[in-house]
């Protein structure tokens, strides 16, 4: 939720970052499967894995933040 100063809450930032990172994971996975150059395909596969780890960390932090806000 945004406040009157157009700043986002930490919860919203975490959620947006997680969604954006998951989109990158999907994109990079698709690229790795559809590119005929093995070196580039391997690069995108590695990037998908790294983004997946970041997405996981973002989701964990979001869940902890969200649980603390609801207690």
PDB file of N, CA and C in Angstrom:
ATOM      1  N   UNK A   1       0.842  -1.178   0.000  1.00  0.00           N
ATOM      2  CA  UNK A   1       0.000   0.000   0.000  1.00  0.00           C
ATOM      3  C   UNK A   1       0.890   1.244   0.000  1.00  0.00           C
ATOM      4  N   UNK A   2       0.547   2.216  -0.766  1.00  0.00           N
ATOM      5  CA  UNK A   2       1.304   3.454  -0.843  1.00  0.00           C
ATOM      6  C   UNK A   2       0.675   4.496   0.069  1.00  0.00           C
ATOM      7  N   UNK A   3       1.535   5.332   0.683  1.00  0.00           N
ATOM      8  CA  UNK A   3       0.994   6.394   1.520  1.00  0.00           C
ATOM      9  C   UNK A   3       0.849   7.667   0.692  1.00  0.00           C
ATOM     10  N   UNK A   4       0.518   8.738   1.350  1.00  0.00           N
ATOM     11  CA  UNK A   4       0.250  10.002   0.645  1.00  0.00           C
ATOM     12  C   UNK A   4       1.506  10.631   0.061  1.00  0.00           C
ATOM     13  N   UNK A   5       2.688  10.207   0.489  1.00  0.00           N
ATOM     14  CA  UNK A   5       3.940  10.743  -0.032  1.00  0.00           C
ATOM     15  C   UNK A   5       4.483   9.897  -1.180  1.00  0.00           C
ATOM     16  N   UNK A   6       3.693   8.985  -1.687  1.00  0.00           N
ATOM     17  CA  UNK A   6       4.085   8.099  -2.779  1.00  0.00           C
ATOM     18  C   UNK A   6       5.267   7.205  -2.424  1.00  0.00           C
ATOM     19  N   UNK A   7       5.410   6.870  -1.160  1.00  0.00           N
ATOM     20  CA  UNK A   7       6.428   5.910  -0.760  1.00  0.00           C
ATOM     21  C   UNK A   7       5.748   4.578  -0.504  1.00  0.00           C
ATOM     22  N   UNK A   8       6.455   3.518  -0.814  1.00  0.00           N
ATOM     23  CA  UNK A   8       5.892   2.183  -0.628  1.00  0.00           C
ATOM     24  C   UNK A   8       6.294   1.652   0.740  1.00  0.00           C
ATOM     25  N   UNK A   9       5.443   0.821   1.288  1.00  0.00           N
ATOM     26  CA  UNK A   9       5.759   0.185   2.563  1.00  0.00           C
ATOM     27  C   UNK A   9       6.824  -0.885   2.327  1.00  0.00           C
ATOM     28  N   UNK A  10       7.555  -1.264   3.380  1.00  0.00           N
ATOM     29  CA  UNK A  10       8.532  -2.347   3.231  1.00  0.00           C
ATOM     30  C   UNK A  10       7.880  -3.637   2.714  1.00  0.00           C
ATOM     31  N   UNK A  11       6.683  -3.923   3.189  1.00  0.00           N
ATOM     32  CA  UNK A  11       5.963  -5.121   2.743  1.00  0.00           C
ATOM     33  C   UNK A  11       5.717  -5.079   1.244  1.00  0.00           C
ATOM     34  N   UNK A  12       5.262  -3.932   0.749  1.00  0.00           N
ATOM     35  CA  UNK A  12       4.986  -3.787  -0.681  1.00  0.00           C
ATOM     36  C   UNK A  12       6.260  -3.890  -1.509  1.00  0.00           C
ATOM     37  N   UNK A  13       7.344  -3.308  -1.016  1.00  0.00           N
ATOM     38  CA  UNK A  13       8.624  -3.397  -1.731  1.00  0.00           C
ATOM     39  C   UNK A  13       9.097  -4.844  -1.821  1.00  0.00           C
ATOM     40  N   UNK A  14       8.998  -5.568  -0.718  1.00  0.00           N
ATOM     41  CA  UNK A  14       9.394  -6.976  -0.720  1.00  0.00           C
ATOM     42  C   UNK A  14       8.534  -7.785  -1.687  1.00  0.00           C
ATOM     43  N   UNK A  15       7.241  -7.537  -1.658  1.00  0.00           N
ATOM     44  CA  UNK A  15       6.338  -8.274  -2.542  1.00  0.00           C
ATOM     45  C   UNK A  15       6.641  -7.969  -4.008  1.00  0.00           C
ATOM     46  N   UNK A  16       6.826  -6.703  -4.331  1.00  0.00           N
ATOM     47  CA  UNK A  16       7.119  -6.315  -5.718  1.00  0.00           C
ATOM     48  C   UNK A  16       8.451  -6.907  -6.178  1.00  0.00           C
ATOM     49  N   UNK A  17       9.459  -6.857  -5.306  1.00  0.00           N
ATOM     50  CA  UNK A  17      10.768  -7.416  -5.657  1.00  0.00           C
ATOM     51  C   UNK A  17      10.669  -8.915  -5.892  1.00  0.00           C
ATOM     52  N   UNK A  18       9.894  -9.617  -5.061  1.00  0.00           N
ATOM     53  CA  UNK A  18       9.719 -11.062  -5.233  1.00  0.00           C
ATOM     54  C   UNK A  18       9.045 -11.366  -6.571  1.00  0.00           C
ATOM     55  N   UNK A  19       7.989 -10.653  -6.878  1.00  0.00           N
ATOM     56  CA  UNK A  19       7.274 -10.880  -8.143  1.00  0.00           C
ATOM     57  C   UNK A  19       8.193 -10.604  -9.330  1.00  0.00           C
ATOM     58  N   UNK A  20       8.923  -9.496  -9.288  1.00  0.00           N
ATOM     59  CA  UNK A  20       9.833  -9.160 -10.386  1.00  0.00           C
ATOM     60  C   UNK A  20      10.924 -10.207 -10.547  1.00  0.00           C
ATOM     61  N   UNK A  21      11.449 -10.690  -9.441  1.00  0.00           N
ATOM     62  CA  UNK A  21      12.502 -11.699  -9.491  1.00  0.00           C
ATOM     63  C   UNK A  21      11.962 -13.009 -10.057  1.00  0.00           C
ATOM     64  N   UNK A  22      10.755 -13.391  -9.681  1.00  0.00           N
ATOM     65  CA  UNK A  22      10.160 -14.614 -10.225  1.00  0.00           C
ATOM     66  C   UNK A  22       9.947 -14.496 -11.737  1.00  0.00           C
ATOM     67  N   UNK A  23       9.603 -13.308 -12.197  1.00  0.00           N
ATOM     68  CA  UNK A  23       9.458 -13.094 -13.640  1.00  0.00           C
ATOM     69  C   UNK A  23      10.795 -13.281 -14.343  1.00  0.00           C
ATOM     70  N   UNK A  24      11.873 -12.801 -13.731  1.00  0.00           N
ATOM     71  CA  UNK A  24      13.202 -13.005 -14.309  1.00  0.00           C
ATOM     72  C   UNK A  24      13.557 -14.487 -14.353  1.00  0.00           C
ATOM     73  N   UNK A  25      13.225 -15.218 -13.299  1.00  0.00           N
ATOM     74  CA  UNK A  25      13.487 -16.660 -13.287  1.00  0.00           C
ATOM     75  C   UNK A  25      12.803 -17.317 -14.487  1.00  0.00           C
ATOM     76  N   UNK A  26      11.542 -17.008 -14.685  1.00  0.00           N
ATOM     77  CA  UNK A  26      10.799 -17.604 -15.815  1.00  0.00           C
ATOM     78  C   UNK A  26      11.416 -17.200 -17.153  1.00  0.00           C
ATOM     79  N   UNK A  27      11.753 -15.928 -17.281  1.00  0.00           N
ATOM     80  CA  UNK A  27      12.364 -15.460 -18.534  1.00  0.00           C
ATOM     81  C   UNK A  27      13.684 -16.162 -18.794  1.00  0.00           C
ATOM     82  N   UNK A  28      14.560 -16.198 -17.799  1.00  0.00           N
ATOM     83  CA  UNK A  28      15.875 -16.805 -17.977  1.00  0.00           C
ATOM     84  C   UNK A  28      15.767 -18.294 -18.269  1.00  0.00           C
ATOM     85  N   UNK A  29      14.829 -18.981 -17.616  1.00  0.00           N
ATOM     86  CA  UNK A  29      14.622 -20.402 -17.916  1.00  0.00           C
ATOM     87  C   UNK A  29      14.185 -20.588 -19.361  1.00  0.00           C
ATOM     88  N   UNK A  30      13.265 -19.750 -19.815  1.00  0.00           N
ATOM     89  CA  UNK A  30      12.790 -19.841 -21.196  1.00  0.00           C
ATOM     90  C   UNK A  30      13.946 -19.593 -22.163  1.00  0.00           C
ATOM     91  N   UNK A  31      14.748 -18.558 -21.889  1.00  0.00           N
ATOM     92  CA  UNK A  31      15.884 -18.273 -22.762  1.00  0.00           C
ATOM     93  C   UNK A  31      16.838 -19.455 -22.809  1.00  0.00           C
ATOM     94  N   UNK A  32      17.111 -20.060 -21.665  1.00  0.00           N
ATOM     95  CA  UNK A  32      18.074 -21.163 -21.615  1.00  0.00           C
ATOM     96  C   UNK A  32      17.599 -22.363 -22.424  1.00  0.00           C
ATOM     97  N   UNK A  33      16.302 -22.507 -22.568  1.00  0.00           N
ATOM     98  CA  UNK A  33      15.749 -23.653 -23.306  1.00  0.00           C
ATOM     99  C   UNK A  33      15.549 -23.358 -24.788  1.00  0.00           C
ATOM    100  N   UNK A  34      15.551 -22.086 -25.165  1.00  0.00           N
ATOM    101  CA  UNK A  34      15.218 -21.731 -26.548  1.00  0.00           C
ATOM    102  C   UNK A  34      16.373 -21.122 -27.338  1.00  0.00           C
ATOM    103  N   UNK A  35      17.547 -21.035 -26.724  1.00  0.00           N
ATOM    104  CA  UNK A  35      18.703 -20.462 -27.416  1.00  0.00           C
ATOM    105  C   UNK A  35      19.588 -21.600 -27.912  1.00  0.00           C
ATOM    106  N   UNK A  36      20.022 -21.495 -29.151  1.00  0.00           N
ATOM    107  CA  UNK A  36      20.821 -22.554 -29.765  1.00  0.00           C
ATOM    108  C   UNK A  36      22.306 -22.497 -29.412  1.00  0.00           C
ATOM    109  N   UNK A  37      22.746 -21.412 -28.842  1.00  0.00           N
ATOM    110  CA  UNK A  37      24.141 -21.262 -28.435  1.00  0.00           C
ATOM    111  C   UNK A  37      24.308 -21.846 -27.029  1.00  0.00           C
ATOM    112  N   UNK A  38      25.091 -22.921 -26.900  1.00  0.00           N
ATOM    113  CA  UNK A  38      25.225 -23.613 -25.618  1.00  0.00           C
ATOM    114  C   UNK A  38      25.802 -22.727 -24.523  1.00  0.00           C
ATOM    115  N   UNK A  39      26.748 -21.874 -24.875  1.00  0.00           N
ATOM    116  CA  UNK A  39      27.372 -21.002 -23.881  1.00  0.00           C
ATOM    117  C   UNK A  39      26.353 -20.007 -23.335  1.00  0.00           C
ATOM    118  N   UNK A  40      25.578 -19.411 -24.223  1.00  0.00           N
ATOM    119  CA  UNK A  40      24.570 -18.436 -23.797  1.00  0.00           C
ATOM    120  C   UNK A  40      23.436 -19.138 -23.049  1.00  0.00           C
ATOM    121  N   UNK A  41      23.015 -20.289 -23.538  1.00  0.00           N
ATOM    122  CA  UNK A  41      21.958 -21.053 -22.862  1.00  0.00           C
ATOM    123  C   UNK A  41      22.391 -21.426 -21.448  1.00  0.00           C
ATOM    124  N   UNK A  42      23.635 -21.844 -21.300  1.00  0.00           N
ATOM    125  CA  UNK A  42      24.168 -22.202 -19.984  1.00  0.00           C
ATOM    126  C   UNK A  42      24.207 -20.994 -19.060  1.00  0.00           C
ATOM    127  N   UNK A  43      24.580 -19.847 -19.617  1.00  0.00           N
ATOM    128  CA  UNK A  43      24.600 -18.614 -18.837  1.00  0.00           C
ATOM    129  C   UNK A  43      23.203 -18.299 -18.296  1.00  0.00           C
ATOM    130  N   UNK A  44      22.187 -18.379 -19.168  1.00  0.00           N
ATOM    131  CA  UNK A  44      20.832 -18.070 -18.718  1.00  0.00           C
ATOM    132  C   UNK A  44      20.316 -19.097 -17.719  1.00  0.00           C
ATOM    133  N   UNK A  45      20.720 -20.349 -17.867  1.00  0.00           N
ATOM    134  CA  UNK A  45      20.321 -21.365 -16.893  1.00  0.00           C
ATOM    135  C   UNK A  45      20.911 -21.033 -15.520  1.00  0.00           C
ATOM    136  N   UNK A  46      22.178 -20.631 -15.506  1.00  0.00           N
ATOM    137  CA  UNK A  46      22.829 -20.245 -14.254  1.00  0.00           C
ATOM    138  C   UNK A  46      22.164 -19.011 -13.643  1.00  0.00           C
ATOM    139  N   UNK A  47      21.828 -18.055 -14.491  1.00  0.00           N
ATOM    140  CA  UNK A  47      21.162 -16.849 -13.993  1.00  0.00           C
ATOM    141  C   UNK A  47      19.786 -17.184 -13.412  1.00  0.00           C
ATOM    142  N   UNK A  48      19.061 -18.085 -14.041  1.00  0.00           N
ATOM    143  CA  UNK A  48      17.752 -18.501 -13.521  1.00  0.00           C
ATOM    144  C   UNK A  48      17.902 -19.109 -12.130  1.00  0.00           C
ATOM    145  N   UNK A  49      18.935 -19.926 -11.951  1.00  0.00           N
ATOM    146  CA  UNK A  49      19.166 -20.548 -10.649  1.00  0.00           C
ATOM    147  C   UNK A  49      19.495 -19.496  -9.590  1.00  0.00           C
ATOM    148  N   UNK A  50      20.345 -18.535  -9.951  1.00  0.00           N
ATOM    149  CA  UNK A  50      20.710 -17.480  -9.001  1.00  0.00           C
ATOM    150  C   UNK A  50      19.497 -16.615  -8.650  1.00  0.00           C
ATOM    151  N   UNK A  51      18.712 -16.271  -9.654  1.00  0.00           N
ATOM    152  CA  UNK A  51      17.511 -15.475  -9.397  1.00  0.00           C
ATOM    153  C   UNK A  51      16.516 -16.269  -8.550  1.00  0.00           C
ATOM    154  N   UNK A  52      16.464 -17.576  -8.758  1.00  0.00           N
ATOM    155  CA  UNK A  52      15.588 -18.424  -7.949  1.00  0.00           C
ATOM    156  C   UNK A  52      15.963 -18.371  -6.475  1.00  0.00           C
ATOM    157  N   UNK A  53      17.264 -18.374  -6.202  1.00  0.00           N
ATOM    158  CA  UNK A  53      17.725 -18.264  -4.814  1.00  0.00           C
ATOM    159  C   UNK A  53      17.368 -16.899  -4.231  1.00  0.00           C
ATOM    160  N   UNK A  54      17.534 -15.853  -5.033  1.00  0.00           N
ATOM    161  CA  UNK A  54      17.160 -14.524  -4.561  1.00  0.00           C
ATOM    162  C   UNK A  54      15.654 -14.433  -4.311  1.00  0.00           C
ATOM    163  N   UNK A  55      14.874 -15.023  -5.202  1.00  0.00           N
ATOM    164  CA  UNK A  55      13.418 -15.013  -5.032  1.00  0.00           C
ATOM    165  C   UNK A  55      13.030 -15.720  -3.736  1.00  0.00           C
ATOM    166  N   UNK A  56      13.694 -16.825  -3.467  1.00  0.00           N
ATOM    167  CA  UNK A  56      13.417 -17.574  -2.242  1.00  0.00           C
ATOM    168  C   UNK A  56      13.725 -16.717  -1.005  1.00  0.00           C
ATOM    169  N   UNK A  57      14.876 -16.031  -1.020  1.00  0.00           N
ATOM    170  CA  UNK A  57      15.245 -15.176   0.101  1.00  0.00           C
ATOM    171  C   UNK A  57      14.263 -14.019   0.276  1.00  0.00           C
ATOM    172  N   UNK A  58      13.842 -13.432  -0.829  1.00  0.00           N
ATOM    173  CA  UNK A  58      12.862 -12.342  -0.756  1.00  0.00           C
ATOM    174  C   UNK A  58      11.551 -12.834  -0.163  1.00  0.00           C
ATOM    175  N   UNK A  59      11.113 -14.010  -0.594  1.00  0.00           N
ATOM    176  CA  UNK A  59       9.845 -14.560  -0.092  1.00  0.00           C
ATOM    177  C   UNK A  59       9.933 -14.875   1.392  1.00  0.00           C
ATOM    178  N   UNK A  60      11.074 -15.419   1.814  1.00  0.00           N
ATOM    179  CA  UNK A  60      11.263 -15.715   3.239  1.00  0.00           C
ATOM    180  C   UNK A  60      11.212 -14.433   4.072  1.00  0.00           C
ATOM    181  N   UNK A  61      11.895 -13.396   3.610  1.00  0.00           N
ATOM    182  CA  UNK A  61      11.888 -12.126   4.326  1.00  0.00           C
ATOM    183  C   UNK A  61      10.489 -11.513   4.331  1.00  0.00           C
ATOM    184  N   UNK A  62       9.808 -11.585   3.205  1.00  0.00           N
ATOM    185  CA  UNK A  62       8.428 -11.094   3.117  1.00  0.00           C
ATOM    186  C   UNK A  62       7.541 -11.821   4.128  1.00  0.00           C
ATOM    187  N   UNK A  63       7.647 -13.147   4.180  1.00  0.00           N
ATOM    188  CA  UNK A  63       6.821 -13.932   5.107  1.00  0.00           C
ATOM    189  C   UNK A  63       7.104 -13.554   6.562  1.00  0.00           C
ATOM    190  N   UNK A  64       8.387 -13.387   6.904  1.00  0.00           N
ATOM    191  CA  UNK A  64       8.737 -12.993   8.274  1.00  0.00           C
ATOM    192  C   UNK A  64       8.190 -11.607   8.589  1.00  0.00           C
ATOM    193  N   UNK A  65       8.352 -10.688   7.643  1.00  0.00           N
ATOM    194  CA  UNK A  65       7.857  -9.334   7.840  1.00  0.00           C
ATOM    195  C   UNK A  65       6.341  -9.336   7.990  1.00  0.00           C
ATOM    196  N   UNK A  66       5.671 -10.072   7.112  1.00  0.00           N
ATOM    197  CA  UNK A  66       4.212 -10.135   7.127  1.00  0.00           C
ATOM    198  C   UNK A  66       3.697 -10.766   8.416  1.00  0.00           C
ATOM    199  N   UNK A  67       4.348 -11.818   8.878  1.00  0.00           N
ATOM    200  CA  UNK A  67       3.943 -12.472  10.129  1.00  0.00           C
ATOM    201  C   UNK A  67       4.135 -11.552  11.326  1.00  0.00           C
ATOM    202  N   UNK A  68       5.221 -10.776  11.336  1.00  0.00           N
ATOM    203  CA  UNK A  68       5.463  -9.834  12.434  1.00  0.00           C
ATOM    204  C   UNK A  68       4.439  -8.698  12.439  1.00  0.00           C
ATOM    205  N   UNK A  69       3.996  -8.297  11.268  1.00  0.00           N
ATOM    206  CA  UNK A  69       3.008  -7.217  11.167  1.00  0.00           C
ATOM    207  C   UNK A  69       1.630  -7.660  11.652  1.00  0.00           C
ATOM    208  N   UNK A  70       1.358  -8.968  11.520  1.00  0.00           N
ATOM    209  CA  UNK A  70       0.034  -9.490  11.876  1.00  0.00           C
ATOM    210  C   UNK A  70      -0.048  -9.948  13.337  1.00  0.00           C
ATOM    211  N   UNK A  71       1.061  -9.885  14.063  1.00  0.00           N
ATOM    212  CA  UNK A  71       1.054 -10.317  15.467  1.00  0.00           C
ATOM    213  C   UNK A  71       0.824  -9.163  16.393  1.00  0.00           C
TER     214      UNK A  71
END
